[in-house]
């Protein structure tokens, strides 16, 4: 299988290819790309483009045939338009990239995947109903409110969504921790799905480029 085809595999297939971390119930971010000079340099260029809100610098890192949706048009012009890169300061892509860059990098055979969790989520977890608590000391609460009693503290726990028919706030997700099996509510801003936005970087004609930037499966 070519590197390009491997990079574009659906999320479920990538999980099967990925080796499970040592402690499967938590998934803290790691930067496996830092040890590779080429990928490290690419990451620094990407960080600079994001920090400066510089569309030209970002687009220079993007492959002309980038995949940026499922079922839609691909290519750099569609990427530019869909992310409103003509509005440099207000494009929503900067916040998405900031979140991704804060969550590590996985180095695979011939490509890199950001965030780290995308390539290392154990395949026994369903991609559509699992989350990772994105930080340490995150509070799980008894109800969908910041005033609700704390049930547990989470440190990069892998969570599974609980669908018991109870009505809940759109800002909160009812989840069960795979570490201690506590059940409670976590604010959705503190959770990330493994199939949320991710980017794939790999060589194109010998030059590292972003070849995929998508969410979903």
C-alpha atoms as a PDB file:
ATOM      1  CA  UNK A   1       0.000   0.000   0.000  1.00  0.00           C
ATOM      2  CA  UNK A   2       1.406   3.388  -0.910  1.00  0.00           C
ATOM      3  CA  UNK A   3       2.060   5.991   1.746  1.00  0.00           C
ATOM      4  CA  UNK A   4      -0.604   8.247   0.270  1.00  0.00           C
ATOM      5  CA  UNK A   5      -3.233   5.529   0.364  1.00  0.00           C
ATOM      6  CA  UNK A   6      -2.247   4.648   3.926  1.00  0.00           C
ATOM      7  CA  UNK A   7      -2.549   8.271   4.979  1.00  0.00           C
ATOM      8  CA  UNK A   8      -6.057   8.525   3.552  1.00  0.00           C
ATOM      9  CA  UNK A   9      -7.400   5.339   5.112  1.00  0.00           C
ATOM     10  CA  UNK A  10     -10.569   5.773   7.182  1.00  0.00           C
ATOM     11  CA  UNK A  11     -10.006   6.319  10.866  1.00  0.00           C
ATOM     12  CA  UNK A  12     -11.133   2.830  11.831  1.00  0.00           C
ATOM     13  CA  UNK A  13      -8.468   1.286   9.601  1.00  0.00           C
ATOM     14  CA  UNK A  14      -5.768   3.527  10.969  1.00  0.00           C
ATOM     15  CA  UNK A  15      -6.637   2.415  14.482  1.00  0.00           C
ATOM     16  CA  UNK A  16      -6.052  -1.172  13.445  1.00  0.00           C
ATOM     17  CA  UNK A  17      -2.652  -0.254  12.054  1.00  0.00           C
ATOM     18  CA  UNK A  18      -1.617   1.658  15.158  1.00  0.00           C
ATOM     19  CA  UNK A  19       0.094   0.005  18.094  1.00  0.00           C
ATOM     20  CA  UNK A  20      -1.745   0.482  21.361  1.00  0.00           C
ATOM     21  CA  UNK A  21       0.008   2.571  24.001  1.00  0.00           C
ATOM     22  CA  UNK A  22       1.341   0.888  27.118  1.00  0.00           C
ATOM     23  CA  UNK A  23      -1.438   2.293  29.319  1.00  0.00           C
ATOM     24  CA  UNK A  24      -4.482   1.955  27.127  1.00  0.00           C
ATOM     25  CA  UNK A  25      -6.982   3.700  29.436  1.00  0.00           C
ATOM     26  CA  UNK A  26      -5.209   7.058  29.202  1.00  0.00           C
ATOM     27  CA  UNK A  27      -3.808   8.750  26.139  1.00  0.00           C
ATOM     28  CA  UNK A  28      -1.580  11.727  26.994  1.00  0.00           C
ATOM     29  CA  UNK A  29      -0.061  13.473  23.979  1.00  0.00           C
ATOM     30  CA  UNK A  30       3.463  12.687  22.862  1.00  0.00           C
ATOM     31  CA  UNK A  31       5.561  14.183  20.101  1.00  0.00           C
ATOM     32  CA  UNK A  32       7.075  11.297  18.187  1.00  0.00           C
ATOM     33  CA  UNK A  33       7.957  13.657  15.331  1.00  0.00           C
ATOM     34  CA  UNK A  34      10.452  15.718  17.315  1.00  0.00           C
ATOM     35  CA  UNK A  35      13.189  13.113  16.826  1.00  0.00           C
ATOM     36  CA  UNK A  36      12.979  13.411  13.026  1.00  0.00           C
ATOM     37  CA  UNK A  37      14.735  16.618  11.871  1.00  0.00           C
ATOM     38  CA  UNK A  38      12.616  17.019   8.737  1.00  0.00           C
ATOM     39  CA  UNK A  39       9.289  16.582  10.512  1.00  0.00           C
ATOM     40  CA  UNK A  40      10.425  18.720  13.434  1.00  0.00           C
ATOM     41  CA  UNK A  41      11.367  21.556  11.063  1.00  0.00           C
ATOM     42  CA  UNK A  42       8.011  21.219   9.297  1.00  0.00           C
ATOM     43  CA  UNK A  43       6.170  21.407  12.604  1.00  0.00           C
ATOM     44  CA  UNK A  44       8.048  24.583  13.540  1.00  0.00           C
ATOM     45  CA  UNK A  45       7.088  26.179  10.216  1.00  0.00           C
ATOM     46  CA  UNK A  46       3.471  25.226  10.803  1.00  0.00           C
ATOM     47  CA  UNK A  47       3.547  26.652  14.323  1.00  0.00           C
ATOM     48  CA  UNK A  48       4.962  29.904  12.986  1.00  0.00           C
ATOM     49  CA  UNK A  49       2.263  30.161  10.312  1.00  0.00           C
ATOM     50  CA  UNK A  50      -0.426  29.617  12.937  1.00  0.00           C
ATOM     51  CA  UNK A  51       1.089  32.053  15.438  1.00  0.00           C
ATOM     52  CA  UNK A  52       1.361  34.763  12.782  1.00  0.00           C
ATOM     53  CA  UNK A  53      -2.036  34.000  11.203  1.00  0.00           C
ATOM     54  CA  UNK A  54      -0.196  33.826   7.891  1.00  0.00           C
ATOM     55  CA  UNK A  55      -2.275  32.192   5.109  1.00  0.00           C
ATOM     56  CA  UNK A  56       0.535  32.336   2.537  1.00  0.00           C
ATOM     57  CA  UNK A  57       2.939  30.535   4.849  1.00  0.00           C
ATOM     58  CA  UNK A  58       0.299  27.932   5.694  1.00  0.00           C
ATOM     59  CA  UNK A  59      -0.600  27.313   2.045  1.00  0.00           C
ATOM     60  CA  UNK A  60       3.077  26.809   1.222  1.00  0.00           C
ATOM     61  CA  UNK A  61       2.940  23.758   3.509  1.00  0.00           C
ATOM     62  CA  UNK A  62      -0.192  22.335   1.874  1.00  0.00           C
ATOM     63  CA  UNK A  63      -0.209  19.841  -0.996  1.00  0.00           C
ATOM     64  CA  UNK A  64      -2.050  21.074  -4.089  1.00  0.00           C
ATOM     65  CA  UNK A  65      -4.243  17.939  -3.978  1.00  0.00           C
ATOM     66  CA  UNK A  66      -5.022  18.116  -0.260  1.00  0.00           C
ATOM     67  CA  UNK A  67      -8.005  16.103   0.934  1.00  0.00           C
ATOM     68  CA  UNK A  68     -10.110  18.434   3.068  1.00  0.00           C
ATOM     69  CA  UNK A  69     -13.519  16.740   3.122  1.00  0.00           C
ATOM     70  CA  UNK A  70     -15.314  13.449   2.612  1.00  0.00           C
ATOM     71  CA  UNK A  71     -17.489  13.498  -0.480  1.00  0.00           C
ATOM     72  CA  UNK A  72     -16.665  17.056  -1.451  1.00  0.00           C
ATOM     73  CA  UNK A  73     -14.103  18.647  -3.714  1.00  0.00           C
ATOM     74  CA  UNK A  74     -10.442  18.311  -2.838  1.00  0.00           C
ATOM     75  CA  UNK A  75      -7.493  20.511  -3.701  1.00  0.00           C
ATOM     76  CA  UNK A  76      -5.827  23.604  -2.389  1.00  0.00           C
ATOM     77  CA  UNK A  77      -8.388  26.069  -3.769  1.00  0.00           C
ATOM     78  CA  UNK A  78     -11.251  24.275  -2.044  1.00  0.00           C
ATOM     79  CA  UNK A  79      -9.151  24.218   1.132  1.00  0.00           C
ATOM     80  CA  UNK A  80      -8.479  27.953   0.852  1.00  0.00           C
ATOM     81  CA  UNK A  81     -12.143  28.757   0.263  1.00  0.00           C
ATOM     82  CA  UNK A  82     -13.687  26.469   2.857  1.00  0.00           C
ATOM     83  CA  UNK A  83     -11.383  27.790   5.580  1.00  0.00           C
ATOM     84  CA  UNK A  84     -11.875  31.437   4.539  1.00  0.00           C
ATOM     85  CA  UNK A  85      -8.155  32.040   4.259  1.00  0.00           C
ATOM     86  CA  UNK A  86      -8.808  35.316   2.456  1.00  0.00           C
ATOM     87  CA  UNK A  87      -9.820  36.584   5.915  1.00  0.00           C
ATOM     88  CA  UNK A  88      -6.494  35.985   7.594  1.00  0.00           C
ATOM     89  CA  UNK A  89      -7.325  37.119  11.113  1.00  0.00           C
ATOM     90  CA  UNK A  90     -10.777  35.573  11.412  1.00  0.00           C
ATOM     91  CA  UNK A  91     -10.331  32.231   9.637  1.00  0.00           C
ATOM     92  CA  UNK A  92     -11.480  29.412  11.951  1.00  0.00           C
ATOM     93  CA  UNK A  93      -8.541  27.259  10.891  1.00  0.00           C
ATOM     94  CA  UNK A  94      -6.116  28.904  13.304  1.00  0.00           C
ATOM     95  CA  UNK A  95      -7.966  27.749  16.424  1.00  0.00           C
ATOM     96  CA  UNK A  96      -8.324  24.242  15.003  1.00  0.00           C
ATOM     97  CA  UNK A  97      -4.607  24.067  14.261  1.00  0.00           C
ATOM     98  CA  UNK A  98      -3.701  25.452  17.680  1.00  0.00           C
ATOM     99  CA  UNK A  99      -5.731  22.683  19.314  1.00  0.00           C
ATOM    100  CA  UNK A 100      -4.125  20.036  17.114  1.00  0.00           C
ATOM    101  CA  UNK A 101      -0.575  21.266  17.691  1.00  0.00           C
ATOM    102  CA  UNK A 102      -1.125  21.143  21.454  1.00  0.00           C
ATOM    103  CA  UNK A 103      -1.985  17.434  21.270  1.00  0.00           C
ATOM    104  CA  UNK A 104       1.214  15.863  20.003  1.00  0.00           C
ATOM    105  CA  UNK A 105       2.345  14.135  16.828  1.00  0.00           C
ATOM    106  CA  UNK A 106       2.445  10.448  15.858  1.00  0.00           C
ATOM    107  CA  UNK A 107       5.220   9.315  13.520  1.00  0.00           C
ATOM    108  CA  UNK A 108       4.225   6.361  11.387  1.00  0.00           C
ATOM    109  CA  UNK A 109       5.914   4.592   8.458  1.00  0.00           C
ATOM    110  CA  UNK A 110       6.260   7.328   5.868  1.00  0.00           C
ATOM    111  CA  UNK A 111       3.916   9.925   7.343  1.00  0.00           C
ATOM    112  CA  UNK A 112       3.020  11.852  10.479  1.00  0.00           C
ATOM    113  CA  UNK A 113      -0.417  12.250  12.044  1.00  0.00           C
ATOM    114  CA  UNK A 114      -1.501  15.120  14.277  1.00  0.00           C
ATOM    115  CA  UNK A 115      -2.906  14.951  16.870  1.00  0.00           C
ATOM    116  CA  UNK A 116      -1.149  11.982  18.441  1.00  0.00           C
ATOM    117  CA  UNK A 117      -4.395  10.395  19.627  1.00  0.00           C
ATOM    118  CA  UNK A 118      -5.678   9.916  16.071  1.00  0.00           C
ATOM    119  CA  UNK A 119      -3.049   7.306  15.259  1.00  0.00           C
ATOM    120  CA  UNK A 120      -2.804   5.751  18.728  1.00  0.00           C
ATOM    121  CA  UNK A 121      -6.406   5.325  19.855  1.00  0.00           C
ATOM    122  CA  UNK A 122      -6.717   1.616  20.709  1.00  0.00           C
ATOM    123  CA  UNK A 123      -8.907  -0.117  18.154  1.00  0.00           C
ATOM    124  CA  UNK A 124     -11.173  -1.663  20.800  1.00  0.00           C
ATOM    125  CA  UNK A 125     -12.775   1.760  21.306  1.00  0.00           C
ATOM    126  CA  UNK A 126     -15.516   2.881  18.954  1.00  0.00           C
ATOM    127  CA  UNK A 127     -14.362   5.991  17.121  1.00  0.00           C
ATOM    128  CA  UNK A 128     -17.824   7.572  17.172  1.00  0.00           C
ATOM    129  CA  UNK A 129     -18.591   7.180  20.875  1.00  0.00           C
ATOM    130  CA  UNK A 130     -15.160   7.630  22.463  1.00  0.00           C
ATOM    131  CA  UNK A 131     -13.384  10.724  23.698  1.00  0.00           C
ATOM    132  CA  UNK A 132     -10.140  11.699  25.364  1.00  0.00           C
ATOM    133  CA  UNK A 133     -10.151  14.149  28.270  1.00  0.00           C
ATOM    134  CA  UNK A 134      -7.708  16.768  27.008  1.00  0.00           C
ATOM    135  CA  UNK A 135      -5.776  17.644  30.110  1.00  0.00           C
ATOM    136  CA  UNK A 136      -5.023  16.813  33.709  1.00  0.00           C
ATOM    137  CA  UNK A 137      -7.234  17.342  36.742  1.00  0.00           C
ATOM    138  CA  UNK A 138     -10.340  17.720  34.574  1.00  0.00           C
ATOM    139  CA  UNK A 139     -13.508  17.519  36.649  1.00  0.00           C
ATOM    140  CA  UNK A 140     -16.218  14.966  35.898  1.00  0.00           C
ATOM    141  CA  UNK A 141     -19.477  16.162  37.443  1.00  0.00           C
ATOM    142  CA  UNK A 142     -22.636  14.491  38.693  1.00  0.00           C
ATOM    143  CA  UNK A 143     -24.824  16.618  36.442  1.00  0.00           C
ATOM    144  CA  UNK A 144     -24.481  18.795  33.317  1.00  0.00           C
ATOM    145  CA  UNK A 145     -23.524  21.948  35.210  1.00  0.00           C
ATOM    146  CA  UNK A 146     -20.367  23.561  36.542  1.00  0.00           C
ATOM    147  CA  UNK A 147     -22.153  23.749  39.897  1.00  0.00           C
ATOM    148  CA  UNK A 148     -22.789  19.999  40.048  1.00  0.00           C
ATOM    149  CA  UNK A 149     -20.850  17.867  42.510  1.00  0.00           C
ATOM    150  CA  UNK A 150     -17.470  16.598  41.337  1.00  0.00           C
ATOM    151  CA  UNK A 151     -17.469  12.837  40.732  1.00  0.00           C
ATOM    152  CA  UNK A 152     -13.872  12.291  39.624  1.00  0.00           C
ATOM    153  CA  UNK A 153     -10.717  13.956  38.346  1.00  0.00           C
ATOM    154  CA  UNK A 154      -9.530  12.969  34.883  1.00  0.00           C
ATOM    155  CA  UNK A 155      -5.991  12.900  33.511  1.00  0.00           C
ATOM    156  CA  UNK A 156      -6.094  12.240  29.762  1.00  0.00           C
ATOM    157  CA  UNK A 157      -8.634   9.471  30.398  1.00  0.00           C
ATOM    158  CA  UNK A 158     -10.179   7.648  27.464  1.00  0.00           C
ATOM    159  CA  UNK A 159     -13.942   8.043  27.867  1.00  0.00           C
ATOM    160  CA  UNK A 160     -16.926   6.287  26.346  1.00  0.00           C
ATOM    161  CA  UNK A 161     -20.187   8.123  25.830  1.00  0.00           C
ATOM    162  CA  UNK A 162     -23.150   6.949  27.893  1.00  0.00           C
ATOM    163  CA  UNK A 163     -26.422   6.917  25.974  1.00  0.00           C
ATOM    164  CA  UNK A 164     -29.094   6.178  28.551  1.00  0.00           C
ATOM    165  CA  UNK A 165     -31.846   8.335  27.101  1.00  0.00           C
ATOM    166  CA  UNK A 166     -31.473  11.095  29.680  1.00  0.00           C
ATOM    167  CA  UNK A 167     -31.873  14.644  28.435  1.00  0.00           C
ATOM    168  CA  UNK A 168     -28.692  16.674  28.729  1.00  0.00           C
ATOM    169  CA  UNK A 169     -27.233  20.024  27.809  1.00  0.00           C
ATOM    170  CA  UNK A 170     -25.644  20.350  24.374  1.00  0.00           C
ATOM    171  CA  UNK A 171     -22.512  21.653  26.124  1.00  0.00           C
ATOM    172  CA  UNK A 172     -22.035  18.552  28.259  1.00  0.00           C
ATOM    173  CA  UNK A 173     -21.399  14.900  27.447  1.00  0.00           C
ATOM    174  CA  UNK A 174     -22.315  12.006  29.723  1.00  0.00           C
ATOM    175  CA  UNK A 175     -19.359   9.650  29.752  1.00  0.00           C
ATOM    176  CA  UNK A 176     -17.826   6.705  31.554  1.00  0.00           C
ATOM    177  CA  UNK A 177     -14.123   6.664  32.348  1.00  0.00           C
ATOM    178  CA  UNK A 178     -12.255   3.563  31.202  1.00  0.00           C
ATOM    179  CA  UNK A 179      -9.763   4.122  34.037  1.00  0.00           C
ATOM    180  CA  UNK A 180     -12.066   3.841  37.060  1.00  0.00           C
ATOM    181  CA  UNK A 181     -15.498   3.410  35.411  1.00  0.00           C
ATOM    182  CA  UNK A 182     -16.901   6.540  37.027  1.00  0.00           C
ATOM    183  CA  UNK A 183     -19.911   7.914  35.162  1.00  0.00           C
ATOM    184  CA  UNK A 184     -20.635  11.610  34.948  1.00  0.00           C
ATOM    185  CA  UNK A 185     -20.657  14.719  32.816  1.00  0.00           C
ATOM    186  CA  UNK A 186     -17.717  16.519  31.244  1.00  0.00           C
ATOM    187  CA  UNK A 187     -17.935  19.815  29.392  1.00  0.00           C
ATOM    188  CA  UNK A 188     -17.486  19.145  25.692  1.00  0.00           C
ATOM    189  CA  UNK A 189     -14.731  21.769  25.428  1.00  0.00           C
ATOM    190  CA  UNK A 190     -12.575  19.445  27.563  1.00  0.00           C
ATOM    191  CA  UNK A 191     -13.130  16.351  25.412  1.00  0.00           C
ATOM    192  CA  UNK A 192     -11.839  15.437  21.972  1.00  0.00           C
ATOM    193  CA  UNK A 193     -13.070  12.775  19.619  1.00  0.00           C
ATOM    194  CA  UNK A 194     -10.329  10.721  17.938  1.00  0.00           C
ATOM    195  CA  UNK A 195     -11.958  11.525  14.585  1.00  0.00           C
ATOM    196  CA  UNK A 196     -12.110  15.259  15.163  1.00  0.00           C
ATOM    197  CA  UNK A 197      -9.928  17.397  12.872  1.00  0.00           C
ATOM    198  CA  UNK A 198      -6.564  15.826  12.140  1.00  0.00           C
ATOM    199  CA  UNK A 199      -3.851  16.401   9.598  1.00  0.00           C
ATOM    200  CA  UNK A 200      -1.561  14.006   7.789  1.00  0.00           C
ATOM    201  CA  UNK A 201       1.917  15.095   6.679  1.00  0.00           C
ATOM    202  CA  UNK A 202       4.045  13.111   4.244  1.00  0.00           C
ATOM    203  CA  UNK A 203       6.594  13.663   1.483  1.00  0.00           C
ATOM    204  CA  UNK A 204       5.275  14.760  -1.904  1.00  0.00           C
ATOM    205  CA  UNK A 205       8.018  14.733  -4.530  1.00  0.00           C
ATOM    206  CA  UNK A 206      10.514  14.729  -1.682  1.00  0.00           C
ATOM    207  CA  UNK A 207       8.996  17.710   0.170  1.00  0.00           C
ATOM    208  CA  UNK A 208       6.862  17.377   3.297  1.00  0.00           C
ATOM    209  CA  UNK A 209       3.305  18.594   2.755  1.00  0.00           C
ATOM    210  CA  UNK A 210      -0.050  18.472   4.509  1.00  0.00           C
ATOM    211  CA  UNK A 211      -1.959  15.978   2.365  1.00  0.00           C
ATOM    212  CA  UNK A 212      -5.050  15.549   4.549  1.00  0.00           C
ATOM    213  CA  UNK A 213      -6.968  17.856   6.884  1.00  0.00           C
ATOM    214  CA  UNK A 214     -10.372  16.404   7.709  1.00  0.00           C
ATOM    215  CA  UNK A 215     -12.812  15.545  10.476  1.00  0.00           C
ATOM    216  CA  UNK A 216     -15.150  12.569  10.624  1.00  0.00           C
ATOM    217  CA  UNK A 217     -14.869   9.234   8.889  1.00  0.00           C
END
